[in-house]
Amino acid sequence: MKEDCKKNFERISEYLDGELGPDDCQQIEQHLEECPECRDCFDALKKTIDLCKKNAQEEIPGDMQNRLKSKLRECFGNN
């Protein structure tokens, strides 16, 4: 993962939570438009969050938690 990618993904949680200012949001959105790898990771993360919110009542099985963590580490380059 490129340094620019890491910098943007360090703030992606704040972006998804609406905690960043307009300039920071614009910077992340521009990066996502230009970087297909980050866009794919962002889309996967957003879908995961949406599923978790939708199924907040249900506990995620341990093996699924491990697979999710592994995939996120892979996206963030923390293998």
PDB file of N, CA and C in Angstrom:
ATOM      1  N   MET A   1       0.851  -1.175   0.000  1.00  0.00           N
ATOM      2  CA  MET A   1       0.000   0.000   0.000  1.00  0.00           C
ATOM      3  C   MET A   1       0.898   1.239   0.000  1.00  0.00           C
ATOM      4  N   LYS A   2       0.588   2.172  -0.885  1.00  0.00           N
ATOM      5  CA  LYS A   2       1.375   3.395  -1.002  1.00  0.00           C
ATOM      6  C   LYS A   2       1.171   4.297   0.220  1.00  0.00           C
ATOM      7  N   GLU A   3       2.133   5.152   0.449  1.00  0.00           N
ATOM      8  CA  GLU A   3       2.078   6.051   1.614  1.00  0.00           C
ATOM      9  C   GLU A   3       0.827   6.933   1.589  1.00  0.00           C
ATOM     10  N   ASP A   4       0.467   7.436   0.405  1.00  0.00           N
ATOM     11  CA  ASP A   4      -0.731   8.268   0.278  1.00  0.00           C
ATOM     12  C   ASP A   4      -1.980   7.463   0.653  1.00  0.00           C
ATOM     13  N   CYS A   5      -1.989   6.205   0.274  1.00  0.00           N
ATOM     14  CA  CYS A   5      -3.115   5.325   0.601  1.00  0.00           C
ATOM     15  C   CYS A   5      -3.215   5.143   2.115  1.00  0.00           C
ATOM     16  N   LYS A   6      -2.091   4.866   2.749  1.00  0.00           N
ATOM     17  CA  LYS A   6      -2.084   4.669   4.200  1.00  0.00           C
ATOM     18  C   LYS A   6      -2.581   5.918   4.919  1.00  0.00           C
ATOM     19  N   LYS A   7      -2.105   7.079   4.467  1.00  0.00           N
ATOM     20  CA  LYS A   7      -2.498   8.343   5.103  1.00  0.00           C
ATOM     21  C   LYS A   7      -4.007   8.528   5.055  1.00  0.00           C
ATOM     22  N   ASN A   8      -4.603   8.242   3.905  1.00  0.00           N
ATOM     23  CA  ASN A   8      -6.045   8.400   3.770  1.00  0.00           C
ATOM     24  C   ASN A   8      -6.811   7.345   4.549  1.00  0.00           C
ATOM     25  N   PHE A   9      -6.325   6.107   4.548  1.00  0.00           N
ATOM     26  CA  PHE A   9      -7.047   5.056   5.251  1.00  0.00           C
ATOM     27  C   PHE A   9      -6.938   5.185   6.765  1.00  0.00           C
ATOM     28  N   GLU A  10      -5.941   5.893   7.254  1.00  0.00           N
ATOM     29  CA  GLU A  10      -5.860   6.138   8.692  1.00  0.00           C
ATOM     30  C   GLU A  10      -7.035   6.995   9.167  1.00  0.00           C
ATOM     31  N   ARG A  11      -7.630   7.757   8.240  1.00  0.00           N
ATOM     32  CA  ARG A  11      -8.731   8.653   8.605  1.00  0.00           C
ATOM     33  C   ARG A  11     -10.084   8.171   8.067  1.00  0.00           C
ATOM     34  N   ILE A  12     -10.120   6.979   7.506  1.00  0.00           N
ATOM     35  CA  ILE A  12     -11.343   6.522   6.857  1.00  0.00           C
ATOM     36  C   ILE A  12     -12.477   6.310   7.861  1.00  0.00           C
ATOM     37  N   SER A  13     -12.159   5.862   9.045  1.00  0.00           N
ATOM     38  CA  SER A  13     -13.193   5.669  10.064  1.00  0.00           C
ATOM     39  C   SER A  13     -13.845   6.998  10.428  1.00  0.00           C
ATOM     40  N   GLU A  14     -13.015   8.019  10.594  1.00  0.00           N
ATOM     41  CA  GLU A  14     -13.550   9.353  10.887  1.00  0.00           C
ATOM     42  C   GLU A  14     -14.397   9.860   9.720  1.00  0.00           C
ATOM     43  N   TYR A  15     -13.968   9.548   8.511  1.00  0.00           N
ATOM     44  CA  TYR A  15     -14.724   9.940   7.316  1.00  0.00           C
ATOM     45  C   TYR A  15     -16.102   9.283   7.320  1.00  0.00           C
ATOM     46  N   LEU A  16     -16.136   7.987   7.568  1.00  0.00           N
ATOM     47  CA  LEU A  16     -17.398   7.253   7.578  1.00  0.00           C
ATOM     48  C   LEU A  16     -18.327   7.722   8.696  1.00  0.00           C
ATOM     49  N   ASP A  17     -17.746   8.172   9.794  1.00  0.00           N
ATOM     50  CA  ASP A  17     -18.538   8.648  10.930  1.00  0.00           C
ATOM     51  C   ASP A  17     -18.932  10.118  10.796  1.00  0.00           C
ATOM     52  N   GLY A  18     -18.496  10.781   9.717  1.00  0.00           N
ATOM     53  CA  GLY A  18     -18.843  12.184   9.506  1.00  0.00           C
ATOM     54  C   GLY A  18     -18.120  13.136  10.444  1.00  0.00           C
ATOM     55  N   GLU A  19     -16.929  12.755  10.882  1.00  0.00           N
ATOM     56  CA  GLU A  19     -16.174  13.550  11.852  1.00  0.00           C
ATOM     57  C   GLU A  19     -15.113  14.455  11.219  1.00  0.00           C
ATOM     58  N   LEU A  20     -14.961  14.411   9.902  1.00  0.00           N
ATOM     59  CA  LEU A  20     -13.939  15.218   9.235  1.00  0.00           C
ATOM     60  C   LEU A  20     -14.558  16.464   8.620  1.00  0.00           C
ATOM     61  N   GLY A  21     -13.734  17.475   8.482  1.00  0.00           N
ATOM     62  CA  GLY A  21     -14.163  18.700   7.828  1.00  0.00           C
ATOM     63  C   GLY A  21     -14.269  18.515   6.324  1.00  0.00           C
ATOM     64  N   PRO A  22     -14.857  19.496   5.647  1.00  0.00           N
ATOM     65  CA  PRO A  22     -15.078  19.382   4.207  1.00  0.00           C
ATOM     66  C   PRO A  22     -13.799  19.193   3.389  1.00  0.00           C
ATOM     67  N   ASP A  23     -12.728  19.869   3.775  1.00  0.00           N
ATOM     68  CA  ASP A  23     -11.467  19.736   3.023  1.00  0.00           C
ATOM     69  C   ASP A  23     -10.911  18.319   3.119  1.00  0.00           C
ATOM     70  N   ASP A  24     -10.937  17.756   4.327  1.00  0.00           N
ATOM     71  CA  ASP A  24     -10.443  16.392   4.512  1.00  0.00           C
ATOM     72  C   ASP A  24     -11.321  15.390   3.772  1.00  0.00           C
ATOM     73  N   CYS A  25     -12.632  15.598   3.818  1.00  0.00           N
ATOM     74  CA  CYS A  25     -13.554  14.706   3.090  1.00  0.00           C
ATOM     75  C   CYS A  25     -13.281  14.758   1.591  1.00  0.00           C
ATOM     76  N   GLN A  26     -13.078  15.949   1.093  1.00  0.00           N
ATOM     77  CA  GLN A  26     -12.814  16.108  -0.339  1.00  0.00           C
ATOM     78  C   GLN A  26     -11.518  15.396  -0.729  1.00  0.00           C
ATOM     79  N   GLN A  27     -10.504  15.500   0.118  1.00  0.00           N
ATOM     80  CA  GLN A  27      -9.225  14.851  -0.157  1.00  0.00           C
ATOM     81  C   GLN A  27      -9.392  13.327  -0.210  1.00  0.00           C
ATOM     82  N   ILE A  28     -10.126  12.775   0.734  1.00  0.00           N
ATOM     83  CA  ILE A  28     -10.346  11.327   0.763  1.00  0.00           C
ATOM     84  C   ILE A  28     -11.183  10.901  -0.437  1.00  0.00           C
ATOM     85  N   GLU A  29     -12.237  11.636  -0.732  1.00  0.00           N
ATOM     86  CA  GLU A  29     -13.090  11.300  -1.876  1.00  0.00           C
ATOM     87  C   GLU A  29     -12.314  11.341  -3.185  1.00  0.00           C
ATOM     88  N   GLN A  30     -11.453  12.324  -3.327  1.00  0.00           N
ATOM     89  CA  GLN A  30     -10.634  12.418  -4.535  1.00  0.00           C
ATOM     90  C   GLN A  30      -9.698  11.216  -4.643  1.00  0.00           C
ATOM     91  N   HIS A  31      -9.095  10.848  -3.511  1.00  0.00           N
ATOM     92  CA  HIS A  31      -8.196   9.695  -3.521  1.00  0.00           C
ATOM     93  C   HIS A  31      -8.964   8.424  -3.893  1.00  0.00           C
ATOM     94  N   LEU A  32     -10.157   8.254  -3.352  1.00  0.00           N
ATOM     95  CA  LEU A  32     -10.961   7.073  -3.654  1.00  0.00           C
ATOM     96  C   LEU A  32     -11.346   7.019  -5.130  1.00  0.00           C
ATOM     97  N   GLU A  33     -11.566   8.179  -5.740  1.00  0.00           N
ATOM     98  CA  GLU A  33     -11.881   8.228  -7.166  1.00  0.00           C
ATOM     99  C   GLU A  33     -10.684   7.814  -8.017  1.00  0.00           C
ATOM    100  N   GLU A  34      -9.486   8.137  -7.548  1.00  0.00           N
ATOM    101  CA  GLU A  34      -8.272   7.906  -8.327  1.00  0.00           C
ATOM    102  C   GLU A  34      -7.585   6.567  -8.048  1.00  0.00           C
ATOM    103  N   CYS A  35      -7.954   5.925  -6.950  1.00  0.00           N
ATOM    104  CA  CYS A  35      -7.244   4.712  -6.531  1.00  0.00           C
ATOM    105  C   CYS A  35      -8.225   3.542  -6.414  1.00  0.00           C
ATOM    106  N   PRO A  36      -8.253   2.665  -7.413  1.00  0.00           N
ATOM    107  CA  PRO A  36      -9.207   1.556  -7.385  1.00  0.00           C
ATOM    108  C   PRO A  36      -8.991   0.589  -6.216  1.00  0.00           C
ATOM    109  N   GLU A  37      -7.746   0.386  -5.801  1.00  0.00           N
ATOM    110  CA  GLU A  37      -7.475  -0.518  -4.683  1.00  0.00           C
ATOM    111  C   GLU A  37      -8.090   0.014  -3.391  1.00  0.00           C
ATOM    112  N   CYS A  38      -7.909   1.297  -3.130  1.00  0.00           N
ATOM    113  CA  CYS A  38      -8.479   1.895  -1.922  1.00  0.00           C
ATOM    114  C   CYS A  38     -10.006   1.945  -2.008  1.00  0.00           C
ATOM    115  N   ARG A  39     -10.511   2.211  -3.197  1.00  0.00           N
ATOM    116  CA  ARG A  39     -11.972   2.246  -3.379  1.00  0.00           C
ATOM    117  C   ARG A  39     -12.565   0.867  -3.078  1.00  0.00           C
ATOM    118  N   ASP A  40     -11.909  -0.195  -3.540  1.00  0.00           N
ATOM    119  CA  ASP A  40     -12.387  -1.548  -3.263  1.00  0.00           C
ATOM    120  C   ASP A  40     -12.365  -1.849  -1.770  1.00  0.00           C
ATOM    121  N   CYS A  41     -11.282  -1.471  -1.101  1.00  0.00           N
ATOM    122  CA  CYS A  41     -11.188  -1.681   0.344  1.00  0.00           C
ATOM    123  C   CYS A  41     -12.237  -0.852   1.080  1.00  0.00           C
ATOM    124  N   PHE A  42     -12.417   0.392   0.645  1.00  0.00           N
ATOM    125  CA  PHE A  42     -13.422   1.268   1.254  1.00  0.00           C
ATOM    126  C   PHE A  42     -14.818   0.678   1.092  1.00  0.00           C
ATOM    127  N   ASP A  43     -15.134   0.222  -0.112  1.00  0.00           N
ATOM    128  CA  ASP A  43     -16.455  -0.366  -0.363  1.00  0.00           C
ATOM    129  C   ASP A  43     -16.682  -1.597   0.513  1.00  0.00           C
ATOM    130  N   ALA A  44     -15.661  -2.438   0.626  1.00  0.00           N
ATOM    131  CA  ALA A  44     -15.778  -3.637   1.458  1.00  0.00           C
ATOM    132  C   ALA A  44     -15.965  -3.261   2.923  1.00  0.00           C
ATOM    133  N   LEU A  45     -15.217  -2.276   3.389  1.00  0.00           N
ATOM    134  CA  LEU A  45     -15.340  -1.831   4.776  1.00  0.00           C
ATOM    135  C   LEU A  45     -16.716  -1.245   5.044  1.00  0.00           C
ATOM    136  N   LYS A  46     -17.204  -0.426   4.123  1.00  0.00           N
ATOM    137  CA  LYS A  46     -18.524   0.184   4.285  1.00  0.00           C
ATOM    138  C   LYS A  46     -19.613  -0.879   4.312  1.00  0.00           C
ATOM    139  N   LYS A  47     -19.525  -1.872   3.436  1.00  0.00           N
ATOM    140  CA  LYS A  47     -20.506  -2.963   3.431  1.00  0.00           C
ATOM    141  C   LYS A  47     -20.452  -3.747   4.741  1.00  0.00           C
ATOM    142  N   THR A  48     -19.251  -3.973   5.244  1.00  0.00           N
ATOM    143  CA  THR A  48     -19.094  -4.696   6.505  1.00  0.00           C
ATOM    144  C   THR A  48     -19.731  -3.920   7.651  1.00  0.00           C
ATOM    145  N   ILE A  49     -19.480  -2.626   7.694  1.00  0.00           N
ATOM    146  CA  ILE A  49     -20.072  -1.785   8.739  1.00  0.00           C
ATOM    147  C   ILE A  49     -21.587  -1.790   8.633  1.00  0.00           C
ATOM    148  N   ASP A  50     -22.101  -1.647   7.412  1.00  0.00           N
ATOM    149  CA  ASP A  50     -23.552  -1.658   7.212  1.00  0.00           C
ATOM    150  C   ASP A  50     -24.166  -2.980   7.668  1.00  0.00           C
ATOM    151  N   LEU A  51     -23.513  -4.094   7.337  1.00  0.00           N
ATOM    152  CA  LEU A  51     -24.005  -5.399   7.767  1.00  0.00           C
ATOM    153  C   LEU A  51     -23.972  -5.539   9.285  1.00  0.00           C
ATOM    154  N   CYS A  52     -22.914  -5.041   9.885  1.00  0.00           N
ATOM    155  CA  CYS A  52     -22.797  -5.109  11.347  1.00  0.00           C
ATOM    156  C   CYS A  52     -23.891  -4.286  12.015  1.00  0.00           C
ATOM    157  N   LYS A  53     -24.161  -3.107  11.487  1.00  0.00           N
ATOM    158  CA  LYS A  53     -25.224  -2.277  12.048  1.00  0.00           C
ATOM    159  C   LYS A  53     -26.580  -2.942  11.874  1.00  0.00           C
ATOM    160  N   LYS A  54     -26.790  -3.536  10.706  1.00  0.00           N
ATOM    161  CA  LYS A  54     -28.061  -4.188  10.407  1.00  0.00           C
ATOM    162  C   LYS A  54     -28.284  -5.392  11.322  1.00  0.00           C
ATOM    163  N   ASN A  55     -27.216  -6.102  11.595  1.00  0.00           N
ATOM    164  CA  ASN A  55     -27.311  -7.321  12.398  1.00  0.00           C
ATOM    165  C   ASN A  55     -26.676  -7.152  13.773  1.00  0.00           C
ATOM    166  N   ALA A  56     -26.772  -5.954  14.330  1.00  0.00           N
ATOM    167  CA  ALA A  56     -26.125  -5.662  15.609  1.00  0.00           C
ATOM    168  C   ALA A  56     -26.606  -6.584  16.725  1.00  0.00           C
ATOM    169  N   GLN A  57     -27.789  -7.118  16.577  1.00  0.00           N
ATOM    170  CA  GLN A  57     -28.348  -8.000  17.598  1.00  0.00           C
ATOM    171  C   GLN A  57     -27.680  -9.373  17.581  1.00  0.00           C
ATOM    172  N   GLU A  58     -27.158  -9.749  16.419  1.00  0.00           N
ATOM    173  CA  GLU A  58     -26.569 -11.069  16.268  1.00  0.00           C
ATOM    174  C   GLU A  58     -25.063 -11.017  16.513  1.00  0.00           C
ATOM    175  N   GLU A  59     -24.547 -12.048  17.148  1.00  0.00           N
ATOM    176  CA  GLU A  59     -23.109 -12.129  17.383  1.00  0.00           C
ATOM    177  C   GLU A  59     -22.429 -12.715  16.148  1.00  0.00           C
ATOM    178  N   ILE A  60     -21.318 -12.109  15.761  1.00  0.00           N
ATOM    179  CA  ILE A  60     -20.560 -12.594  14.605  1.00  0.00           C
ATOM    180  C   ILE A  60     -19.728 -13.791  15.058  1.00  0.00           C
ATOM    181  N   PRO A  61     -19.854 -14.927  14.355  1.00  0.00           N
ATOM    182  CA  PRO A  61     -19.070 -16.116  14.720  1.00  0.00           C
ATOM    183  C   PRO A  61     -17.568 -15.823  14.692  1.00  0.00           C
ATOM    184  N   GLY A  62     -16.850 -16.498  15.574  1.00  0.00           N
ATOM    185  CA  GLY A  62     -15.411 -16.283  15.706  1.00  0.00           C
ATOM    186  C   GLY A  62     -14.634 -16.460  14.425  1.00  0.00           C
ATOM    187  N   ASP A  63     -14.971 -17.486  13.634  1.00  0.00           N
ATOM    188  CA  ASP A  63     -14.227 -17.705  12.389  1.00  0.00           C
ATOM    189  C   ASP A  63     -14.472 -16.574  11.398  1.00  0.00           C
ATOM    190  N   MET A  64     -15.680 -16.022  11.393  1.00  0.00           N
ATOM    191  CA  MET A  64     -15.973 -14.895  10.504  1.00  0.00           C
ATOM    192  C   MET A  64     -15.227 -13.638  10.978  1.00  0.00           C
ATOM    193  N   GLN A  65     -15.162 -13.433  12.288  1.00  0.00           N
ATOM    194  CA  GLN A  65     -14.405 -12.300  12.826  1.00  0.00           C
ATOM    195  C   GLN A  65     -12.948 -12.388  12.382  1.00  0.00           C
ATOM    196  N   ASN A  66     -12.388 -13.575  12.472  1.00  0.00           N
ATOM    197  CA  ASN A  66     -10.987 -13.761  12.076  1.00  0.00           C
ATOM    198  C   ASN A  66     -10.778 -13.491  10.595  1.00  0.00           C
ATOM    199  N   ARG A  67     -11.716 -13.937   9.754  1.00  0.00           N
ATOM    200  CA  ARG A  67     -11.603 -13.687   8.319  1.00  0.00           C
ATOM    201  C   ARG A  67     -11.711 -12.194   8.016  1.00  0.00           C
ATOM    202  N   LEU A  68     -12.632 -11.514   8.695  1.00  0.00           N
ATOM    203  CA  LEU A  68     -12.783 -10.068   8.492  1.00  0.00           C
ATOM    204  C   LEU A  68     -11.518  -9.319   8.902  1.00  0.00           C
ATOM    205  N   LYS A  69     -10.990  -9.674  10.061  1.00  0.00           N
ATOM    206  CA  LYS A  69      -9.762  -9.030  10.532  1.00  0.00           C
ATOM    207  C   LYS A  69      -8.612  -9.264   9.558  1.00  0.00           C
ATOM    208  N   SER A  70      -8.517 -10.487   9.078  1.00  0.00           N
ATOM    209  CA  SER A  70      -7.457 -10.824   8.124  1.00  0.00           C
ATOM    210  C   SER A  70      -7.596 -10.006   6.842  1.00  0.00           C
ATOM    211  N   LYS A  71      -8.810  -9.892   6.331  1.00  0.00           N
ATOM    212  CA  LYS A  71      -9.047  -9.137   5.096  1.00  0.00           C
ATOM    213  C   LYS A  71      -8.739  -7.652   5.298  1.00  0.00           C
ATOM    214  N   LEU A  72      -9.120  -7.102   6.452  1.00  0.00           N
ATOM    215  CA  LEU A  72      -8.828  -5.693   6.728  1.00  0.00           C
ATOM    216  C   LEU A  72      -7.320  -5.459   6.840  1.00  0.00           C
ATOM    217  N   ARG A  73      -6.624  -6.386   7.499  1.00  0.00           N
ATOM    218  CA  ARG A  73      -5.168  -6.267   7.586  1.00  0.00           C
ATOM    219  C   ARG A  73      -4.548  -6.290   6.194  1.00  0.00           C
ATOM    220  N   GLU A  74      -5.082  -7.146   5.343  1.00  0.00           N
ATOM    221  CA  GLU A  74      -4.601  -7.253   3.966  1.00  0.00           C
ATOM    222  C   GLU A  74      -4.815  -5.925   3.212  1.00  0.00           C
ATOM    223  N   CYS A  75      -5.987  -5.340   3.402  1.00  0.00           N
ATOM    224  CA  CYS A  75      -6.286  -4.049   2.741  1.00  0.00           C
ATOM    225  C   CYS A  75      -5.380  -2.937   3.244  1.00  0.00           C
ATOM    226  N   PHE A  76      -5.095  -2.961   4.547  1.00  0.00           N
ATOM    227  CA  PHE A  76      -4.285  -1.894   5.129  1.00  0.00           C
ATOM    228  C   PHE A  76      -2.795  -2.179   5.031  1.00  0.00           C
ATOM    229  N   GLY A  77      -2.426  -3.333   4.501  1.00  0.00           N
ATOM    230  CA  GLY A  77      -1.017  -3.656   4.324  1.00  0.00           C
ATOM    231  C   GLY A  77      -0.331  -4.086   5.592  1.00  0.00           C
ATOM    232  N   ASN A  78      -1.086  -4.573   6.579  1.00  0.00           N
ATOM    233  CA  ASN A  78      -0.520  -5.001   7.864  1.00  0.00           C
ATOM    234  C   ASN A  78      -0.493  -6.523   7.968  1.00  0.00           C
ATOM    235  N   ASN A  79       0.045  -7.171   6.972  1.00  0.00           N
ATOM    236  CA  ASN A  79       0.024  -8.637   6.947  1.00  0.00           C
ATOM    237  C   ASN A  79       0.874  -9.197   8.028  1.00  0.00           C
TER     238      ASN A  79
END
